[in-house]
């Protein structure tokens, strides 16, 4: 596994979303409360490409996995 670290800003850029702090905070506020039985990669608000990226990052334990995990906690 690549040991490089990424920030929320970089994760949101990778997902094709605005990456400024205000947008990220608003995104989390708007989408928090994801049911515990819904995986982050299965949330309805993602595009197909975003879902695939998140799923792959977690399945392959990619260098993005820690940030995806952190976002997962914030959204649940």
PDB file of N, CA and C in Angstrom:
ATOM      1  N   UNK A   1       0.831  -1.178   0.000  1.00  0.00           N
ATOM      2  CA  UNK A   1       0.000   0.000   0.000  1.00  0.00           C
ATOM      3  C   UNK A   1       0.877   1.243   0.000  1.00  0.00           C
ATOM      4  N   UNK A   2       0.517   2.211  -0.797  1.00  0.00           N
ATOM      5  CA  UNK A   2       1.197   3.491  -0.837  1.00  0.00           C
ATOM      6  C   UNK A   2       0.937   4.200   0.483  1.00  0.00           C
ATOM      7  N   UNK A   3       1.974   4.683   1.110  1.00  0.00           N
ATOM      8  CA  UNK A   3       1.821   5.316   2.416  1.00  0.00           C
ATOM      9  C   UNK A   3       1.599   6.823   2.337  1.00  0.00           C
ATOM     10  N   UNK A   4       1.431   7.358   1.122  1.00  0.00           N
ATOM     11  CA  UNK A   4       1.188   8.788   1.029  1.00  0.00           C
ATOM     12  C   UNK A   4      -0.159   9.124   1.654  1.00  0.00           C
ATOM     13  N   UNK A   5      -0.280  10.344   2.111  1.00  0.00           N
ATOM     14  CA  UNK A   5      -1.523  10.767   2.743  1.00  0.00           C
ATOM     15  C   UNK A   5      -2.194  11.820   1.881  1.00  0.00           C
ATOM     16  N   UNK A   6      -3.493  11.866   1.972  1.00  0.00           N
ATOM     17  CA  UNK A   6      -4.281  12.828   1.229  1.00  0.00           C
ATOM     18  C   UNK A   6      -5.148  13.611   2.200  1.00  0.00           C
ATOM     19  N   UNK A   7      -5.584  14.760   1.741  1.00  0.00           N
ATOM     20  CA  UNK A   7      -6.476  15.601   2.540  1.00  0.00           C
ATOM     21  C   UNK A   7      -7.899  15.466   2.014  1.00  0.00           C
ATOM     22  N   UNK A   8      -8.843  15.980   2.795  1.00  0.00           N
ATOM     23  CA  UNK A   8     -10.228  16.033   2.326  1.00  0.00           C
ATOM     24  C   UNK A   8     -10.299  16.808   1.010  1.00  0.00           C
ATOM     25  N   UNK A   9      -9.581  17.897   0.948  1.00  0.00           N
ATOM     26  CA  UNK A   9      -9.583  18.722  -0.255  1.00  0.00           C
ATOM     27  C   UNK A   9      -9.167  17.895  -1.474  1.00  0.00           C
ATOM     28  N   UNK A  10      -8.121  17.123  -1.339  1.00  0.00           N
ATOM     29  CA  UNK A  10      -7.661  16.269  -2.444  1.00  0.00           C
ATOM     30  C   UNK A  10      -8.676  15.179  -2.764  1.00  0.00           C
ATOM     31  N   UNK A  11      -9.315  14.615  -1.748  1.00  0.00           N
ATOM     32  CA  UNK A  11     -10.329  13.590  -1.982  1.00  0.00           C
ATOM     33  C   UNK A  11     -11.497  14.180  -2.768  1.00  0.00           C
ATOM     34  N   UNK A  12     -11.950  15.353  -2.379  1.00  0.00           N
ATOM     35  CA  UNK A  12     -13.064  15.978  -3.085  1.00  0.00           C
ATOM     36  C   UNK A  12     -12.668  16.335  -4.520  1.00  0.00           C
ATOM     37  N   UNK A  13     -11.429  16.761  -4.714  1.00  0.00           N
ATOM     38  CA  UNK A  13     -10.944  17.001  -6.080  1.00  0.00           C
ATOM     39  C   UNK A  13     -10.994  15.710  -6.888  1.00  0.00           C
ATOM     40  N   UNK A  14     -10.539  14.635  -6.295  1.00  0.00           N
ATOM     41  CA  UNK A  14     -10.531  13.328  -6.962  1.00  0.00           C
ATOM     42  C   UNK A  14     -11.952  12.895  -7.328  1.00  0.00           C
ATOM     43  N   UNK A  15     -12.914  13.262  -6.500  1.00  0.00           N
ATOM     44  CA  UNK A  15     -14.312  12.929  -6.752  1.00  0.00           C
ATOM     45  C   UNK A  15     -14.971  13.901  -7.725  1.00  0.00           C
ATOM     46  N   UNK A  16     -14.221  14.923  -8.167  1.00  0.00           N
ATOM     47  CA  UNK A  16     -14.759  15.893  -9.108  1.00  0.00           C
ATOM     48  C   UNK A  16     -15.689  16.908  -8.477  1.00  0.00           C
ATOM     49  N   UNK A  17     -15.493  17.139  -7.191  1.00  0.00           N
ATOM     50  CA  UNK A  17     -16.332  18.077  -6.440  1.00  0.00           C
ATOM     51  C   UNK A  17     -15.511  19.298  -6.047  1.00  0.00           C
ATOM     52  N   UNK A  18     -16.171  20.421  -5.753  1.00  0.00           N
ATOM     53  CA  UNK A  18     -15.431  21.566  -5.214  1.00  0.00           C
ATOM     54  C   UNK A  18     -14.662  21.129  -3.965  1.00  0.00           C
ATOM     55  N   UNK A  19     -13.498  21.710  -3.782  1.00  0.00           N
ATOM     56  CA  UNK A  19     -12.639  21.212  -2.705  1.00  0.00           C
ATOM     57  C   UNK A  19     -12.310  22.257  -1.649  1.00  0.00           C
ATOM     58  N   UNK A  20     -13.056  23.358  -1.658  1.00  0.00           N
ATOM     59  CA  UNK A  20     -12.796  24.356  -0.622  1.00  0.00           C
ATOM     60  C   UNK A  20     -13.454  23.922   0.685  1.00  0.00           C
ATOM     61  N   UNK A  21     -12.927  24.426   1.763  1.00  0.00           N
ATOM     62  CA  UNK A  21     -13.366  24.022   3.107  1.00  0.00           C
ATOM     63  C   UNK A  21     -14.869  24.230   3.316  1.00  0.00           C
ATOM     64  N   UNK A  22     -15.387  25.375   2.860  1.00  0.00           N
ATOM     65  CA  UNK A  22     -16.814  25.672   3.053  1.00  0.00           C
ATOM     66  C   UNK A  22     -17.687  24.640   2.344  1.00  0.00           C
ATOM     67  N   UNK A  23     -17.319  24.266   1.120  1.00  0.00           N
ATOM     68  CA  UNK A  23     -18.110  23.271   0.382  1.00  0.00           C
ATOM     69  C   UNK A  23     -18.063  21.926   1.094  1.00  0.00           C
ATOM     70  N   UNK A  24     -16.884  21.514   1.516  1.00  0.00           N
ATOM     71  CA  UNK A  24     -16.734  20.215   2.178  1.00  0.00           C
ATOM     72  C   UNK A  24     -17.569  20.172   3.456  1.00  0.00           C
ATOM     73  N   UNK A  25     -17.508  21.228   4.254  1.00  0.00           N
ATOM     74  CA  UNK A  25     -18.301  21.276   5.483  1.00  0.00           C
ATOM     75  C   UNK A  25     -19.796  21.212   5.166  1.00  0.00           C
ATOM     76  N   UNK A  26     -20.235  21.957   4.157  1.00  0.00           N
ATOM     77  CA  UNK A  26     -21.646  21.950   3.784  1.00  0.00           C
ATOM     78  C   UNK A  26     -22.072  20.583   3.251  1.00  0.00           C
ATOM     79  N   UNK A  27     -21.213  19.943   2.467  1.00  0.00           N
ATOM     80  CA  UNK A  27     -21.494  18.614   1.929  1.00  0.00           C
ATOM     81  C   UNK A  27     -21.734  17.624   3.067  1.00  0.00           C
ATOM     82  N   UNK A  28     -20.870  17.656   4.061  1.00  0.00           N
ATOM     83  CA  UNK A  28     -20.999  16.740   5.199  1.00  0.00           C
ATOM     84  C   UNK A  28     -22.282  17.031   5.975  1.00  0.00           C
ATOM     85  N   UNK A  29     -22.583  18.297   6.183  1.00  0.00           N
ATOM     86  CA  UNK A  29     -23.813  18.657   6.891  1.00  0.00           C
ATOM     87  C   UNK A  29     -25.036  18.146   6.124  1.00  0.00           C
ATOM     88  N   UNK A  30     -25.043  18.360   4.819  1.00  0.00           N
ATOM     89  CA  UNK A  30     -26.194  17.970   3.992  1.00  0.00           C
ATOM     90  C   UNK A  30     -26.374  16.463   3.875  1.00  0.00           C
ATOM     91  N   UNK A  31     -25.281  15.706   3.959  1.00  0.00           N
ATOM     92  CA  UNK A  31     -25.370  14.271   3.701  1.00  0.00           C
ATOM     93  C   UNK A  31     -25.168  13.399   4.938  1.00  0.00           C
ATOM     94  N   UNK A  32     -24.935  14.000   6.092  1.00  0.00           N
ATOM     95  CA  UNK A  32     -24.736  13.181   7.282  1.00  0.00           C
ATOM     96  C   UNK A  32     -26.043  12.493   7.658  1.00  0.00           C
ATOM     97  N   UNK A  33     -25.912  11.450   8.418  1.00  0.00           N
ATOM     98  CA  UNK A  33     -27.088  10.675   8.791  1.00  0.00           C
ATOM     99  C   UNK A  33     -27.303   9.496   7.857  1.00  0.00           C
ATOM    100  N   UNK A  34     -26.267   9.134   7.118  1.00  0.00           N
ATOM    101  CA  UNK A  34     -26.342   7.969   6.236  1.00  0.00           C
ATOM    102  C   UNK A  34     -26.645   6.744   7.089  1.00  0.00           C
ATOM    103  N   UNK A  35     -27.667   5.971   6.728  1.00  0.00           N
ATOM    104  CA  UNK A  35     -28.008   4.791   7.537  1.00  0.00           C
ATOM    105  C   UNK A  35     -26.806   3.848   7.682  1.00  0.00           C
ATOM    106  N   UNK A  36     -26.679   3.238   8.854  1.00  0.00           N
ATOM    107  CA  UNK A  36     -25.532   2.367   9.135  1.00  0.00           C
ATOM    108  C   UNK A  36     -25.421   1.191   8.165  1.00  0.00           C
ATOM    109  N   UNK A  37     -26.540   0.750   7.610  1.00  0.00           N
ATOM    110  CA  UNK A  37     -26.491  -0.389   6.703  1.00  0.00           C
ATOM    111  C   UNK A  37     -26.184   0.002   5.255  1.00  0.00           C
ATOM    112  N   UNK A  38     -25.935   1.294   5.001  1.00  0.00           N
ATOM    113  CA  UNK A  38     -25.588   1.761   3.659  1.00  0.00           C
ATOM    114  C   UNK A  38     -24.100   2.072   3.614  1.00  0.00           C
ATOM    115  N   UNK A  39     -23.390   1.363   2.750  1.00  0.00           N
ATOM    116  CA  UNK A  39     -21.959   1.627   2.581  1.00  0.00           C
ATOM    117  C   UNK A  39     -21.778   2.985   1.934  1.00  0.00           C
ATOM    118  N   UNK A  40     -20.674   3.637   2.248  1.00  0.00           N
ATOM    119  CA  UNK A  40     -20.425   4.963   1.682  1.00  0.00           C
ATOM    120  C   UNK A  40     -20.469   4.924   0.159  1.00  0.00           C
ATOM    121  N   UNK A  41     -19.962   3.869  -0.428  1.00  0.00           N
ATOM    122  CA  UNK A  41     -19.929   3.767  -1.891  1.00  0.00           C
ATOM    123  C   UNK A  41     -21.303   3.485  -2.491  1.00  0.00           C
ATOM    124  N   UNK A  42     -22.289   3.210  -1.659  1.00  0.00           N
ATOM    125  CA  UNK A  42     -23.642   2.917  -2.151  1.00  0.00           C
ATOM    126  C   UNK A  42     -24.614   4.064  -1.891  1.00  0.00           C
ATOM    127  N   UNK A  43     -24.132   5.165  -1.337  1.00  0.00           N
ATOM    128  CA  UNK A  43     -25.012   6.297  -1.052  1.00  0.00           C
ATOM    129  C   UNK A  43     -25.575   6.859  -2.356  1.00  0.00           C
ATOM    130  N   UNK A  44     -26.835   7.258  -2.302  1.00  0.00           N
ATOM    131  CA  UNK A  44     -27.559   7.708  -3.496  1.00  0.00           C
ATOM    132  C   UNK A  44     -27.022   9.008  -4.083  1.00  0.00           C
ATOM    133  N   UNK A  45     -26.310   9.804  -3.305  1.00  0.00           N
ATOM    134  CA  UNK A  45     -25.878  11.114  -3.792  1.00  0.00           C
ATOM    135  C   UNK A  45     -24.620  11.088  -4.656  1.00  0.00           C
ATOM    136  N   UNK A  46     -23.958   9.931  -4.779  1.00  0.00           N
ATOM    137  CA  UNK A  46     -22.772   9.822  -5.632  1.00  0.00           C
ATOM    138  C   UNK A  46     -23.154   9.524  -7.072  1.00  0.00           C
ATOM    139  N   UNK A  47     -22.286   9.931  -7.989  1.00  0.00           N
ATOM    140  CA  UNK A  47     -22.427   9.505  -9.381  1.00  0.00           C
ATOM    141  C   UNK A  47     -21.861   8.096  -9.480  1.00  0.00           C
ATOM    142  N   UNK A  48     -22.105   7.431 -10.592  1.00  0.00           N
ATOM    143  CA  UNK A  48     -21.550   6.087 -10.771  1.00  0.00           C
ATOM    144  C   UNK A  48     -20.023   6.092 -10.675  1.00  0.00           C
ATOM    145  N   UNK A  49     -19.387   7.071 -11.271  1.00  0.00           N
ATOM    146  CA  UNK A  49     -17.929   7.160 -11.226  1.00  0.00           C
ATOM    147  C   UNK A  49     -17.405   7.376  -9.815  1.00  0.00           C
ATOM    148  N   UNK A  50     -18.085   8.214  -9.057  1.00  0.00           N
ATOM    149  CA  UNK A  50     -17.686   8.458  -7.672  1.00  0.00           C
ATOM    150  C   UNK A  50     -17.864   7.195  -6.844  1.00  0.00           C
ATOM    151  N   UNK A  51     -18.975   6.501  -7.053  1.00  0.00           N
ATOM    152  CA  UNK A  51     -19.205   5.237  -6.325  1.00  0.00           C
ATOM    153  C   UNK A  51     -18.087   4.241  -6.607  1.00  0.00           C
ATOM    154  N   UNK A  52     -17.727   4.118  -7.872  1.00  0.00           N
ATOM    155  CA  UNK A  52     -16.683   3.166  -8.263  1.00  0.00           C
ATOM    156  C   UNK A  52     -15.347   3.539  -7.627  1.00  0.00           C
ATOM    157  N   UNK A  53     -15.017   4.818  -7.630  1.00  0.00           N
ATOM    158  CA  UNK A  53     -13.771   5.267  -7.022  1.00  0.00           C
ATOM    159  C   UNK A  53     -13.728   4.922  -5.536  1.00  0.00           C
ATOM    160  N   UNK A  54     -14.808   5.241  -4.823  1.00  0.00           N
ATOM    161  CA  UNK A  54     -14.853   4.969  -3.382  1.00  0.00           C
ATOM    162  C   UNK A  54     -14.768   3.480  -3.092  1.00  0.00           C
ATOM    163  N   UNK A  55     -15.508   2.695  -3.844  1.00  0.00           N
ATOM    164  CA  UNK A  55     -15.503   1.242  -3.649  1.00  0.00           C
ATOM    165  C   UNK A  55     -14.111   0.670  -3.897  1.00  0.00           C
ATOM    166  N   UNK A  56     -13.498   1.092  -4.985  1.00  0.00           N
ATOM    167  CA  UNK A  56     -12.166   0.588  -5.340  1.00  0.00           C
ATOM    168  C   UNK A  56     -11.126   1.019  -4.295  1.00  0.00           C
ATOM    169  N   UNK A  57     -11.223   2.254  -3.836  1.00  0.00           N
ATOM    170  CA  UNK A  57     -10.264   2.747  -2.835  1.00  0.00           C
ATOM    171  C   UNK A  57     -10.293   1.883  -1.583  1.00  0.00           C
ATOM    172  N   UNK A  58     -11.492   1.492  -1.163  1.00  0.00           N
ATOM    173  CA  UNK A  58     -11.622   0.683   0.048  1.00  0.00           C
ATOM    174  C   UNK A  58     -11.254  -0.778  -0.197  1.00  0.00           C
ATOM    175  N   UNK A  59     -11.719  -1.334  -1.305  1.00  0.00           N
ATOM    176  CA  UNK A  59     -11.434  -2.747  -1.596  1.00  0.00           C
ATOM    177  C   UNK A  59      -9.947  -3.018  -1.774  1.00  0.00           C
ATOM    178  N   UNK A  60      -9.265  -2.075  -2.407  1.00  0.00           N
ATOM    179  CA  UNK A  60      -7.833  -2.256  -2.675  1.00  0.00           C
ATOM    180  C   UNK A  60      -6.960  -1.682  -1.572  1.00  0.00           C
ATOM    181  N   UNK A  61      -7.583  -1.162  -0.510  1.00  0.00           N
ATOM    182  CA  UNK A  61      -6.855  -0.507   0.576  1.00  0.00           C
ATOM    183  C   UNK A  61      -5.848   0.485   0.005  1.00  0.00           C
ATOM    184  N   UNK A  62      -6.336   1.265  -0.956  1.00  0.00           N
ATOM    185  CA  UNK A  62      -5.500   2.245  -1.644  1.00  0.00           C
ATOM    186  C   UNK A  62      -5.091   3.372  -0.701  1.00  0.00           C
ATOM    187  N   UNK A  63      -4.188   4.224  -1.170  1.00  0.00           N
ATOM    188  CA  UNK A  63      -3.744   5.333  -0.328  1.00  0.00           C
ATOM    189  C   UNK A  63      -4.871   6.317  -0.023  1.00  0.00           C
ATOM    190  N   UNK A  64      -5.971   6.226  -0.773  1.00  0.00           N
ATOM    191  CA  UNK A  64      -7.146   7.054  -0.498  1.00  0.00           C
ATOM    192  C   UNK A  64      -8.003   6.480   0.636  1.00  0.00           C
ATOM    193  N   UNK A  65      -7.823   5.237   0.980  1.00  0.00           N
ATOM    194  CA  UNK A  65      -8.686   4.555   1.942  1.00  0.00           C
ATOM    195  C   UNK A  65      -8.814   5.285   3.284  1.00  0.00           C
ATOM    196  N   UNK A  66      -7.760   5.813   3.871  1.00  0.00           N
ATOM    197  CA  UNK A  66      -7.936   6.503   5.160  1.00  0.00           C
ATOM    198  C   UNK A  66      -8.872   7.711   5.073  1.00  0.00           C
ATOM    199  N   UNK A  67      -8.779   8.470   3.981  1.00  0.00           N
ATOM    200  CA  UNK A  67      -9.664   9.628   3.828  1.00  0.00           C
ATOM    201  C   UNK A  67     -11.098   9.193   3.541  1.00  0.00           C
ATOM    202  N   UNK A  68     -11.262   8.134   2.763  1.00  0.00           N
ATOM    203  CA  UNK A  68     -12.596   7.604   2.501  1.00  0.00           C
ATOM    204  C   UNK A  68     -13.201   7.091   3.802  1.00  0.00           C
ATOM    205  N   UNK A  69     -12.395   6.405   4.602  1.00  0.00           N
ATOM    206  CA  UNK A  69     -12.864   5.925   5.912  1.00  0.00           C
ATOM    207  C   UNK A  69     -13.298   7.092   6.806  1.00  0.00           C
ATOM    208  N   UNK A  70     -12.515   8.149   6.807  1.00  0.00           N
ATOM    209  CA  UNK A  70     -12.838   9.306   7.639  1.00  0.00           C
ATOM    210  C   UNK A  70     -14.142   9.951   7.161  1.00  0.00           C
ATOM    211  N   UNK A  71     -14.302  10.092   5.841  1.00  0.00           N
ATOM    212  CA  UNK A  71     -15.541  10.642   5.308  1.00  0.00           C
ATOM    213  C   UNK A  71     -16.718   9.735   5.645  1.00  0.00           C
ATOM    214  N   UNK A  72     -16.496   8.444   5.580  1.00  0.00           N
ATOM    215  CA  UNK A  72     -17.522   7.464   5.933  1.00  0.00           C
ATOM    216  C   UNK A  72     -18.014   7.686   7.360  1.00  0.00           C
ATOM    217  N   UNK A  73     -17.104   7.868   8.286  1.00  0.00           N
ATOM    218  CA  UNK A  73     -17.473   8.106   9.686  1.00  0.00           C
ATOM    219  C   UNK A  73     -18.274   9.396   9.797  1.00  0.00           C
ATOM    220  N   UNK A  74     -17.819  10.452   9.125  1.00  0.00           N
ATOM    221  CA  UNK A  74     -18.517  11.749   9.210  1.00  0.00           C
ATOM    222  C   UNK A  74     -19.932  11.669   8.635  1.00  0.00           C
ATOM    223  N   UNK A  75     -20.125  10.847   7.587  1.00  0.00           N
ATOM    224  CA  UNK A  75     -21.428  10.779   6.945  1.00  0.00           C
ATOM    225  C   UNK A  75     -22.391   9.845   7.678  1.00  0.00           C
ATOM    226  N   UNK A  76     -21.865   8.908   8.439  1.00  0.00           N
ATOM    227  CA  UNK A  76     -22.738   8.002   9.186  1.00  0.00           C
ATOM    228  C   UNK A  76     -23.014   8.611  10.541  1.00  0.00           C
TER     229      UNK A  76
END
